[in-house]
């Protein structure tokens, strides 16, 4: 088994943050959490932590998508995506597993050694403040934040990817958020 040190920090932290939310959602029972809801909660935790402590919890690359901001590595983890390297996917699967296209679940306790006290504070803030909302309510809430609003007009192009520099490409619409913009 590969050492966790060879797994990028963004993957380790995103895995544990997603696991943390899944455990809170299930309150210890193996109940799946909606992926979009978890990704929006993660946005709020990263935003809170960046504004209060000068760095996000996860250090993920963020993209503006039609359903709001998305942490790329966290999305790949929740989907068990082939975009993850095999070692990273194996690490993530030790803690969270995809149930179906829209849900994932926790399969192990959170490894809190990966998360700082302030990381947990930010995750708790996101859960306490936004955890009662559905994924669609959270999507709508994120659409009111300046981090997403500034990219929204570029997302309205038909099927063209618009990157941070305004170049169009024939891929699904998304625009990168820099971590400094969260």
N, C-alpha and C. Protein backbone atom coordinates (compact mmCIF):
# COMPACT_ATOMS: atom_id res chain seq x y z
N UNK A 1 0.85 -1.18 0.00
CA UNK A 1 0.00 0.00 0.00
C UNK A 1 0.89 1.24 0.00
N UNK A 2 0.63 2.21 -0.89
CA UNK A 2 1.45 3.40 -0.97
C UNK A 2 1.28 4.28 0.26
N UNK A 3 2.33 4.99 0.58
CA UNK A 3 2.28 5.92 1.70
C UNK A 3 1.34 7.07 1.36
N UNK A 4 0.60 7.52 2.35
CA UNK A 4 -0.31 8.65 2.14
C UNK A 4 0.46 9.91 1.77
N UNK A 5 1.76 9.95 2.11
CA UNK A 5 2.56 11.12 1.78
C UNK A 5 2.74 11.28 0.27
N UNK A 6 2.57 10.20 -0.49
CA UNK A 6 2.68 10.27 -1.94
C UNK A 6 1.37 10.68 -2.60
N UNK A 7 0.35 10.85 -1.82
CA UNK A 7 -0.96 11.31 -2.30
C UNK A 7 -0.98 12.82 -2.16
N UNK A 8 -1.35 13.56 -3.21
CA UNK A 8 -1.37 15.03 -3.09
C UNK A 8 -2.23 15.49 -1.91
N UNK A 9 -1.79 16.56 -1.27
CA UNK A 9 -2.51 17.10 -0.11
C UNK A 9 -3.95 17.45 -0.48
N UNK A 10 -4.18 17.96 -1.67
CA UNK A 10 -5.55 18.31 -2.06
C UNK A 10 -6.45 17.08 -2.09
N UNK A 11 -5.91 15.93 -2.46
CA UNK A 11 -6.69 14.69 -2.49
C UNK A 11 -6.93 14.19 -1.06
N UNK A 12 -5.88 14.20 -0.24
CA UNK A 12 -6.04 13.74 1.15
C UNK A 12 -7.03 14.61 1.90
N UNK A 13 -6.87 15.93 1.77
CA UNK A 13 -7.75 16.84 2.51
C UNK A 13 -9.18 16.81 1.97
N UNK A 14 -9.33 16.74 0.66
CA UNK A 14 -10.68 16.65 0.07
C UNK A 14 -11.37 15.36 0.48
N UNK A 15 -10.63 14.26 0.47
CA UNK A 15 -11.19 12.98 0.88
C UNK A 15 -11.70 13.06 2.31
N UNK A 16 -10.89 13.58 3.20
CA UNK A 16 -11.29 13.65 4.60
C UNK A 16 -12.42 14.65 4.82
N UNK A 17 -12.42 15.76 4.07
CA UNK A 17 -13.51 16.73 4.19
C UNK A 17 -14.83 16.12 3.69
N UNK A 18 -14.79 15.42 2.55
CA UNK A 18 -16.00 14.75 2.06
C UNK A 18 -16.46 13.69 3.04
N UNK A 19 -15.52 12.96 3.59
CA UNK A 19 -15.85 11.95 4.58
C UNK A 19 -16.48 12.59 5.82
N UNK A 20 -15.93 13.71 6.24
CA UNK A 20 -16.45 14.43 7.40
C UNK A 20 -17.92 14.80 7.17
N UNK A 21 -18.23 15.36 5.99
CA UNK A 21 -19.61 15.72 5.70
C UNK A 21 -20.51 14.49 5.62
N UNK A 22 -20.02 13.42 5.03
CA UNK A 22 -20.83 12.19 4.95
C UNK A 22 -21.12 11.64 6.33
N UNK A 23 -20.13 11.70 7.23
CA UNK A 23 -20.35 11.22 8.60
C UNK A 23 -21.36 12.11 9.33
N UNK A 24 -21.25 13.43 9.14
CA UNK A 24 -22.22 14.34 9.78
C UNK A 24 -23.62 14.08 9.24
N UNK A 25 -23.72 13.89 7.94
CA UNK A 25 -25.02 13.66 7.31
C UNK A 25 -25.68 12.39 7.83
N UNK A 26 -24.88 11.36 7.96
CA UNK A 26 -25.41 10.06 8.38
C UNK A 26 -25.47 9.91 9.90
N UNK A 27 -24.80 10.79 10.62
CA UNK A 27 -24.73 10.69 12.08
C UNK A 27 -24.32 9.29 12.52
N UNK A 28 -23.29 8.76 11.82
CA UNK A 28 -22.73 7.46 12.18
C UNK A 28 -23.34 6.28 11.46
N UNK A 29 -24.49 6.46 10.81
CA UNK A 29 -25.12 5.36 10.07
C UNK A 29 -24.68 5.43 8.61
N UNK A 30 -24.56 4.30 7.94
CA UNK A 30 -24.10 4.31 6.55
C UNK A 30 -25.17 4.79 5.57
N UNK A 31 -25.37 6.10 5.53
CA UNK A 31 -26.37 6.71 4.67
C UNK A 31 -25.65 7.59 3.64
N UNK A 32 -26.02 7.52 2.35
CA UNK A 32 -25.29 8.30 1.34
C UNK A 32 -25.62 9.79 1.42
N UNK A 33 -24.67 10.61 0.96
CA UNK A 33 -24.82 12.06 0.91
C UNK A 33 -24.83 12.47 -0.56
N UNK A 34 -25.66 13.44 -0.90
CA UNK A 34 -25.70 13.93 -2.27
C UNK A 34 -24.37 14.60 -2.60
N UNK A 35 -23.80 14.23 -3.72
CA UNK A 35 -22.48 14.73 -4.15
C UNK A 35 -22.49 16.25 -4.34
N UNK A 36 -23.51 16.78 -5.04
CA UNK A 36 -23.54 18.22 -5.29
C UNK A 36 -23.66 18.99 -3.98
N UNK A 37 -24.45 18.48 -3.05
CA UNK A 37 -24.58 19.15 -1.75
C UNK A 37 -23.23 19.19 -1.05
N UNK A 38 -22.52 18.06 -1.04
CA UNK A 38 -21.21 18.01 -0.38
C UNK A 38 -20.22 18.97 -1.04
N UNK A 39 -20.25 19.05 -2.38
CA UNK A 39 -19.31 19.94 -3.07
C UNK A 39 -19.62 21.41 -2.78
N UNK A 40 -20.88 21.74 -2.61
CA UNK A 40 -21.24 23.12 -2.25
C UNK A 40 -20.82 23.41 -0.80
N UNK A 41 -21.03 22.44 0.09
CA UNK A 41 -20.59 22.63 1.47
C UNK A 41 -19.08 22.82 1.52
N UNK A 42 -18.37 22.08 0.70
CA UNK A 42 -16.91 22.21 0.65
C UNK A 42 -16.51 23.60 0.15
N UNK A 43 -17.23 24.13 -0.82
CA UNK A 43 -16.98 25.50 -1.28
C UNK A 43 -17.11 26.48 -0.11
N UNK A 44 -18.20 26.33 0.66
CA UNK A 44 -18.40 27.25 1.78
C UNK A 44 -17.32 27.09 2.85
N UNK A 45 -16.88 25.86 3.08
CA UNK A 45 -15.80 25.64 4.06
C UNK A 45 -14.49 26.24 3.55
N UNK A 46 -14.17 26.01 2.29
CA UNK A 46 -12.94 26.58 1.72
C UNK A 46 -12.99 28.11 1.74
N UNK A 47 -14.12 28.66 1.39
CA UNK A 47 -14.28 30.12 1.36
C UNK A 47 -14.11 30.71 2.77
N UNK A 48 -14.77 30.10 3.72
CA UNK A 48 -14.66 30.54 5.12
C UNK A 48 -13.20 30.51 5.57
N UNK A 49 -12.54 29.40 5.33
CA UNK A 49 -11.17 29.23 5.80
C UNK A 49 -10.21 30.19 5.10
N UNK A 50 -10.40 30.40 3.81
CA UNK A 50 -9.55 31.32 3.07
C UNK A 50 -9.71 32.74 3.59
N UNK A 51 -10.93 33.14 3.85
CA UNK A 51 -11.18 34.50 4.33
C UNK A 51 -10.69 34.70 5.76
N UNK A 52 -10.79 33.66 6.59
CA UNK A 52 -10.39 33.80 7.99
C UNK A 52 -8.91 33.51 8.24
N UNK A 53 -8.35 32.52 7.52
CA UNK A 53 -6.99 32.07 7.81
C UNK A 53 -6.01 32.20 6.64
N UNK A 54 -6.50 32.64 5.49
CA UNK A 54 -5.60 32.89 4.38
C UNK A 54 -5.28 31.69 3.50
N UNK A 55 -5.95 30.58 3.71
CA UNK A 55 -5.78 29.41 2.84
C UNK A 55 -7.06 28.60 2.87
N UNK A 56 -7.38 27.91 1.77
CA UNK A 56 -8.57 27.04 1.79
C UNK A 56 -8.28 25.76 2.56
N UNK A 57 -9.30 25.05 2.92
CA UNK A 57 -9.14 23.75 3.59
C UNK A 57 -8.49 22.76 2.64
N UNK A 58 -9.00 22.68 1.41
CA UNK A 58 -8.62 21.60 0.51
C UNK A 58 -7.49 21.90 -0.46
N UNK A 59 -7.28 23.15 -0.81
CA UNK A 59 -6.30 23.54 -1.82
C UNK A 59 -6.65 22.97 -3.19
N UNK A 60 -7.94 22.74 -3.44
CA UNK A 60 -8.40 22.24 -4.73
C UNK A 60 -8.44 23.36 -5.76
N UNK A 61 -8.35 22.99 -7.02
CA UNK A 61 -8.62 23.92 -8.11
C UNK A 61 -10.14 24.03 -8.23
N UNK A 62 -10.65 25.25 -8.24
CA UNK A 62 -12.08 25.48 -8.36
C UNK A 62 -12.45 25.88 -9.78
N UNK A 63 -13.62 25.40 -10.22
CA UNK A 63 -14.15 25.76 -11.52
C UNK A 63 -15.57 26.26 -11.35
N UNK A 64 -15.93 27.26 -12.16
CA UNK A 64 -17.31 27.73 -12.20
C UNK A 64 -18.03 26.86 -13.22
N UNK A 65 -19.10 26.23 -12.77
CA UNK A 65 -19.90 25.39 -13.65
C UNK A 65 -21.35 25.84 -13.52
N UNK A 66 -22.22 25.32 -14.37
CA UNK A 66 -23.60 25.82 -14.36
C UNK A 66 -24.27 25.65 -13.00
N UNK A 67 -23.88 24.66 -12.22
CA UNK A 67 -24.47 24.46 -10.89
C UNK A 67 -23.64 25.10 -9.78
N UNK A 68 -22.78 26.05 -10.13
CA UNK A 68 -21.99 26.77 -9.14
C UNK A 68 -20.55 26.31 -9.09
N UNK A 69 -19.80 26.82 -8.12
CA UNK A 69 -18.38 26.48 -8.01
C UNK A 69 -18.17 25.02 -7.62
N UNK A 70 -17.14 24.41 -8.20
CA UNK A 70 -16.84 23.01 -7.95
C UNK A 70 -15.35 22.83 -7.71
N UNK A 71 -15.01 22.16 -6.62
CA UNK A 71 -13.62 21.80 -6.32
C UNK A 71 -13.29 20.57 -7.16
N UNK A 72 -12.40 20.74 -8.12
CA UNK A 72 -12.13 19.69 -9.10
C UNK A 72 -11.71 18.36 -8.49
N UNK A 73 -10.71 18.36 -7.62
CA UNK A 73 -10.23 17.11 -7.03
C UNK A 73 -11.31 16.45 -6.18
N UNK A 74 -12.06 17.25 -5.44
CA UNK A 74 -13.13 16.70 -4.60
C UNK A 74 -14.21 16.06 -5.46
N UNK A 75 -14.56 16.68 -6.58
CA UNK A 75 -15.55 16.10 -7.50
C UNK A 75 -15.03 14.76 -8.02
N UNK A 76 -13.77 14.71 -8.39
CA UNK A 76 -13.19 13.46 -8.88
C UNK A 76 -13.22 12.37 -7.81
N UNK A 77 -13.00 12.75 -6.57
CA UNK A 77 -13.04 11.79 -5.46
C UNK A 77 -14.45 11.25 -5.27
N UNK A 78 -15.43 12.16 -5.20
CA UNK A 78 -16.82 11.74 -4.98
C UNK A 78 -17.34 10.86 -6.11
N UNK A 79 -16.80 11.05 -7.31
CA UNK A 79 -17.22 10.26 -8.47
C UNK A 79 -16.34 9.04 -8.72
N UNK A 80 -15.28 8.89 -7.92
CA UNK A 80 -14.29 7.83 -8.16
C UNK A 80 -13.80 7.90 -9.61
N UNK A 81 -13.50 9.09 -10.04
CA UNK A 81 -13.14 9.37 -11.42
C UNK A 81 -11.82 8.74 -11.84
N UNK A 82 -11.75 8.36 -13.09
CA UNK A 82 -10.51 7.88 -13.68
C UNK A 82 -9.49 8.99 -13.84
N UNK A 83 -9.88 10.24 -13.60
CA UNK A 83 -8.94 11.36 -13.66
C UNK A 83 -7.98 11.35 -12.47
N UNK A 84 -8.36 10.63 -11.42
CA UNK A 84 -7.47 10.49 -10.27
C UNK A 84 -6.42 9.44 -10.58
N UNK A 85 -5.22 9.65 -10.11
CA UNK A 85 -4.20 8.62 -10.25
C UNK A 85 -4.62 7.41 -9.42
N UNK A 86 -4.20 6.22 -9.82
CA UNK A 86 -4.62 5.01 -9.10
C UNK A 86 -4.33 5.05 -7.60
N UNK A 87 -3.18 5.58 -7.20
CA UNK A 87 -2.86 5.66 -5.77
C UNK A 87 -3.83 6.59 -5.05
N UNK A 88 -4.16 7.72 -5.67
CA UNK A 88 -5.08 8.68 -5.06
C UNK A 88 -6.49 8.08 -4.98
N UNK A 89 -6.92 7.40 -6.04
CA UNK A 89 -8.24 6.77 -6.03
C UNK A 89 -8.32 5.69 -4.95
N UNK A 90 -7.26 4.92 -4.83
CA UNK A 90 -7.21 3.87 -3.81
C UNK A 90 -7.29 4.48 -2.41
N UNK A 91 -6.54 5.56 -2.19
CA UNK A 91 -6.59 6.25 -0.89
C UNK A 91 -8.02 6.72 -0.60
N UNK A 92 -8.63 7.40 -1.56
CA UNK A 92 -9.97 7.95 -1.35
C UNK A 92 -10.99 6.85 -1.06
N UNK A 93 -10.88 5.73 -1.77
CA UNK A 93 -11.84 4.62 -1.59
C UNK A 93 -11.72 3.96 -0.21
N UNK A 94 -10.64 4.19 0.48
CA UNK A 94 -10.52 3.67 1.85
C UNK A 94 -11.45 4.43 2.80
N UNK A 95 -11.93 5.62 2.37
CA UNK A 95 -12.75 6.46 3.24
C UNK A 95 -14.14 6.75 2.69
N UNK A 96 -14.24 6.97 1.39
CA UNK A 96 -15.54 7.28 0.78
C UNK A 96 -15.73 6.45 -0.48
N UNK A 97 -16.99 6.09 -0.72
CA UNK A 97 -17.33 5.28 -1.91
C UNK A 97 -18.54 5.88 -2.60
N UNK A 98 -18.48 5.86 -3.89
CA UNK A 98 -19.60 6.30 -4.71
C UNK A 98 -20.73 5.28 -4.57
N UNK A 99 -21.94 5.75 -4.32
CA UNK A 99 -23.11 4.87 -4.26
C UNK A 99 -23.77 4.79 -5.63
N UNK A 100 -23.97 5.96 -6.25
CA UNK A 100 -24.54 6.05 -7.59
C UNK A 100 -24.05 7.37 -8.18
N UNK A 101 -24.62 7.79 -9.29
CA UNK A 101 -24.13 9.00 -9.96
C UNK A 101 -24.29 10.26 -9.12
N UNK A 102 -25.17 10.23 -8.13
CA UNK A 102 -25.48 11.44 -7.37
C UNK A 102 -25.13 11.37 -5.88
N UNK A 103 -24.70 10.24 -5.40
CA UNK A 103 -24.46 10.07 -3.96
C UNK A 103 -23.16 9.33 -3.68
N UNK A 104 -22.61 9.60 -2.52
CA UNK A 104 -21.46 8.84 -2.02
C UNK A 104 -21.69 8.61 -0.54
N UNK A 105 -20.88 7.73 0.05
CA UNK A 105 -21.04 7.42 1.47
C UNK A 105 -19.68 7.25 2.12
N UNK A 106 -19.68 7.36 3.42
CA UNK A 106 -18.49 7.13 4.22
C UNK A 106 -18.35 5.63 4.48
N UNK A 107 -17.11 5.14 4.41
CA UNK A 107 -16.88 3.72 4.72
C UNK A 107 -15.84 3.56 5.83
N UNK A 108 -15.38 4.66 6.39
CA UNK A 108 -14.40 4.61 7.48
C UNK A 108 -14.47 5.90 8.27
N UNK A 109 -13.92 5.86 9.47
CA UNK A 109 -13.84 7.06 10.28
C UNK A 109 -12.97 8.11 9.59
N UNK A 110 -13.22 9.37 9.87
CA UNK A 110 -12.41 10.45 9.34
C UNK A 110 -11.01 10.38 9.95
N UNK A 111 -10.00 10.49 9.11
CA UNK A 111 -8.62 10.57 9.58
C UNK A 111 -8.34 12.03 9.91
N UNK A 112 -8.60 12.39 11.15
CA UNK A 112 -8.48 13.79 11.56
C UNK A 112 -7.04 14.27 11.60
N UNK A 113 -6.07 13.36 11.48
CA UNK A 113 -4.67 13.81 11.43
C UNK A 113 -4.39 14.57 10.14
N UNK A 114 -5.25 14.42 9.14
CA UNK A 114 -5.08 15.11 7.86
C UNK A 114 -5.63 16.54 7.95
N UNK A 115 -6.59 16.76 8.83
CA UNK A 115 -7.25 18.06 8.96
C UNK A 115 -6.76 18.81 10.19
N UNK A 116 -6.52 20.09 10.03
CA UNK A 116 -6.13 20.92 11.17
C UNK A 116 -7.37 21.28 11.99
N UNK A 117 -7.14 21.84 13.15
CA UNK A 117 -8.24 22.31 14.00
C UNK A 117 -9.05 23.36 13.27
N UNK A 118 -8.37 24.25 12.53
CA UNK A 118 -9.10 25.29 11.80
C UNK A 118 -9.82 24.72 10.58
N UNK A 119 -9.28 23.66 9.98
CA UNK A 119 -10.00 22.98 8.89
C UNK A 119 -11.33 22.46 9.41
N UNK A 120 -11.29 21.80 10.55
CA UNK A 120 -12.51 21.24 11.15
C UNK A 120 -13.48 22.37 11.53
N UNK A 121 -12.94 23.46 12.03
CA UNK A 121 -13.78 24.63 12.33
C UNK A 121 -14.54 25.08 11.08
N UNK A 122 -13.85 25.14 9.93
CA UNK A 122 -14.47 25.57 8.68
C UNK A 122 -15.51 24.56 8.20
N UNK A 123 -15.21 23.28 8.32
CA UNK A 123 -16.18 22.25 7.93
C UNK A 123 -17.42 22.33 8.81
N UNK A 124 -17.22 22.53 10.11
CA UNK A 124 -18.35 22.68 11.04
C UNK A 124 -19.17 23.92 10.70
N UNK A 125 -18.48 25.01 10.38
CA UNK A 125 -19.18 26.23 9.99
C UNK A 125 -20.08 25.97 8.78
N UNK A 126 -19.52 25.33 7.76
CA UNK A 126 -20.29 25.06 6.54
C UNK A 126 -21.49 24.18 6.85
N UNK A 127 -21.28 23.15 7.65
CA UNK A 127 -22.37 22.23 7.98
C UNK A 127 -23.45 22.94 8.82
N UNK A 128 -23.01 23.64 9.83
CA UNK A 128 -23.94 24.33 10.74
C UNK A 128 -24.74 25.41 10.00
N UNK A 129 -24.08 26.13 9.09
CA UNK A 129 -24.72 27.24 8.40
C UNK A 129 -25.53 26.81 7.19
N UNK A 130 -25.07 25.80 6.47
CA UNK A 130 -25.68 25.44 5.20
C UNK A 130 -26.15 23.98 5.10
N UNK A 131 -25.87 23.17 6.09
CA UNK A 131 -26.17 21.75 6.01
C UNK A 131 -27.64 21.39 5.90
N UNK A 132 -28.52 22.29 6.31
CA UNK A 132 -29.95 21.99 6.26
C UNK A 132 -30.55 22.18 4.86
N UNK A 133 -29.78 22.77 3.95
CA UNK A 133 -30.30 23.04 2.61
C UNK A 133 -30.09 21.86 1.67
N UNK A 134 -30.94 21.76 0.65
CA UNK A 134 -30.77 20.73 -0.38
C UNK A 134 -29.66 21.17 -1.33
N UNK A 135 -29.24 20.23 -2.18
CA UNK A 135 -28.20 20.55 -3.16
C UNK A 135 -28.65 21.67 -4.10
N UNK A 136 -29.94 21.73 -4.43
CA UNK A 136 -30.42 22.75 -5.36
C UNK A 136 -30.52 24.11 -4.68
N UNK A 137 -30.89 24.12 -3.41
CA UNK A 137 -30.89 25.38 -2.66
C UNK A 137 -29.46 25.89 -2.52
N UNK A 138 -28.52 24.99 -2.24
CA UNK A 138 -27.12 25.40 -2.13
C UNK A 138 -26.59 25.93 -3.46
N UNK A 139 -26.97 25.28 -4.55
CA UNK A 139 -26.57 25.76 -5.88
C UNK A 139 -27.04 27.20 -6.05
N UNK A 140 -28.31 27.45 -5.73
CA UNK A 140 -28.86 28.78 -5.89
C UNK A 140 -28.16 29.79 -4.98
N UNK A 141 -27.82 29.39 -3.78
CA UNK A 141 -27.11 30.28 -2.86
C UNK A 141 -25.73 30.63 -3.43
N UNK A 142 -25.02 29.63 -3.94
CA UNK A 142 -23.67 29.92 -4.48
C UNK A 142 -23.74 30.86 -5.67
N UNK A 143 -24.86 30.86 -6.39
CA UNK A 143 -24.99 31.74 -7.55
C UNK A 143 -25.08 33.21 -7.15
N UNK A 144 -25.25 33.50 -5.87
CA UNK A 144 -25.28 34.87 -5.39
C UNK A 144 -23.91 35.36 -4.91
N UNK A 145 -22.94 34.47 -4.86
CA UNK A 145 -21.61 34.84 -4.39
C UNK A 145 -20.79 35.42 -5.54
N UNK A 146 -19.97 36.43 -5.26
CA UNK A 146 -19.21 37.07 -6.33
C UNK A 146 -18.23 36.12 -7.04
N UNK A 147 -17.76 35.11 -6.36
CA UNK A 147 -16.83 34.18 -6.97
C UNK A 147 -17.45 33.46 -8.17
N UNK A 148 -18.74 33.21 -8.09
CA UNK A 148 -19.43 32.57 -9.21
C UNK A 148 -20.01 33.61 -10.15
N UNK A 149 -20.58 34.68 -9.61
CA UNK A 149 -21.25 35.69 -10.43
C UNK A 149 -20.33 36.29 -11.48
N UNK A 150 -19.07 36.49 -11.14
CA UNK A 150 -18.18 37.13 -12.11
C UNK A 150 -17.91 36.24 -13.32
N UNK A 151 -18.16 34.94 -13.19
CA UNK A 151 -17.95 34.02 -14.31
C UNK A 151 -19.26 33.62 -15.00
N UNK A 152 -20.39 33.91 -14.39
CA UNK A 152 -21.69 33.46 -14.90
C UNK A 152 -21.95 33.86 -16.35
N UNK A 153 -21.67 35.10 -16.76
CA UNK A 153 -21.96 35.45 -18.16
C UNK A 153 -21.21 34.58 -19.16
N UNK A 154 -20.01 34.17 -18.81
CA UNK A 154 -19.22 33.33 -19.72
C UNK A 154 -19.74 31.91 -19.78
N UNK A 155 -20.51 31.49 -18.79
CA UNK A 155 -21.05 30.13 -18.78
C UNK A 155 -22.27 29.99 -19.67
N UNK A 156 -22.77 31.09 -20.17
CA UNK A 156 -24.00 31.05 -20.97
C UNK A 156 -23.74 30.75 -22.44
N UNK A 157 -22.49 30.64 -22.85
CA UNK A 157 -22.16 30.27 -24.23
C UNK A 157 -22.55 28.81 -24.47
N UNK A 158 -23.05 28.50 -25.60
CA UNK A 158 -23.54 27.15 -25.90
C UNK A 158 -22.42 26.13 -26.00
N UNK A 159 -22.26 25.31 -24.96
CA UNK A 159 -21.34 24.18 -25.00
C UNK A 159 -19.89 24.54 -25.19
N UNK A 160 -19.52 25.77 -24.98
CA UNK A 160 -18.12 26.17 -25.14
C UNK A 160 -17.50 26.36 -23.78
N UNK A 161 -16.31 25.83 -23.63
CA UNK A 161 -15.57 26.09 -22.40
C UNK A 161 -14.94 27.47 -22.54
N UNK A 162 -15.09 28.25 -21.51
CA UNK A 162 -14.47 29.56 -21.48
C UNK A 162 -13.50 29.53 -20.31
N UNK A 163 -12.23 29.60 -20.58
CA UNK A 163 -11.27 29.55 -19.48
C UNK A 163 -11.07 30.95 -18.90
N UNK A 164 -10.21 31.05 -17.94
CA UNK A 164 -10.02 32.31 -17.23
C UNK A 164 -9.55 33.44 -18.14
N UNK A 165 -9.03 33.11 -19.34
CA UNK A 165 -8.53 34.13 -20.24
C UNK A 165 -9.52 34.44 -21.36
N UNK A 166 -10.67 33.78 -21.37
CA UNK A 166 -11.69 34.06 -22.35
C UNK A 166 -11.58 33.25 -23.63
N UNK A 167 -10.68 32.28 -23.69
CA UNK A 167 -10.58 31.43 -24.88
C UNK A 167 -11.72 30.43 -24.89
N UNK A 168 -12.33 30.21 -26.06
CA UNK A 168 -13.43 29.26 -26.17
C UNK A 168 -12.92 27.93 -26.71
N UNK A 169 -13.46 26.86 -26.16
CA UNK A 169 -13.12 25.52 -26.61
C UNK A 169 -14.39 24.68 -26.63
N UNK A 170 -14.42 23.65 -27.43
CA UNK A 170 -15.61 22.78 -27.52
C UNK A 170 -15.57 21.71 -26.45
N UNK A 171 -15.77 22.10 -25.22
CA UNK A 171 -15.85 21.19 -24.09
C UNK A 171 -16.95 21.69 -23.18
N UNK A 172 -17.35 20.91 -22.17
CA UNK A 172 -18.40 21.39 -21.26
C UNK A 172 -18.03 22.74 -20.64
N UNK A 173 -19.03 23.59 -20.40
CA UNK A 173 -18.74 24.92 -19.87
C UNK A 173 -18.19 24.88 -18.45
N UNK A 174 -17.04 25.49 -18.27
CA UNK A 174 -16.48 25.69 -16.95
C UNK A 174 -15.42 26.76 -17.01
N UNK A 175 -15.25 27.44 -15.92
CA UNK A 175 -14.28 28.50 -15.82
C UNK A 175 -13.51 28.30 -14.54
N UNK A 176 -12.21 28.39 -14.59
CA UNK A 176 -11.42 28.14 -13.39
C UNK A 176 -11.56 29.28 -12.38
N UNK A 177 -11.71 28.90 -11.13
CA UNK A 177 -11.64 29.82 -10.01
C UNK A 177 -10.24 29.69 -9.46
N UNK A 178 -9.51 30.74 -9.27
CA UNK A 178 -8.25 30.64 -8.56
C UNK A 178 -8.55 30.56 -7.08
N UNK A 179 -7.73 29.83 -6.32
CA UNK A 179 -7.95 29.72 -4.87
C UNK A 179 -7.98 31.09 -4.23
N UNK A 180 -7.24 32.05 -4.79
CA UNK A 180 -7.22 33.39 -4.22
C UNK A 180 -8.55 34.10 -4.43
N UNK A 181 -9.40 33.58 -5.31
CA UNK A 181 -10.68 34.22 -5.59
C UNK A 181 -11.83 33.72 -4.75
N UNK A 182 -11.61 32.67 -3.97
CA UNK A 182 -12.70 32.07 -3.20
C UNK A 182 -13.09 32.97 -2.05
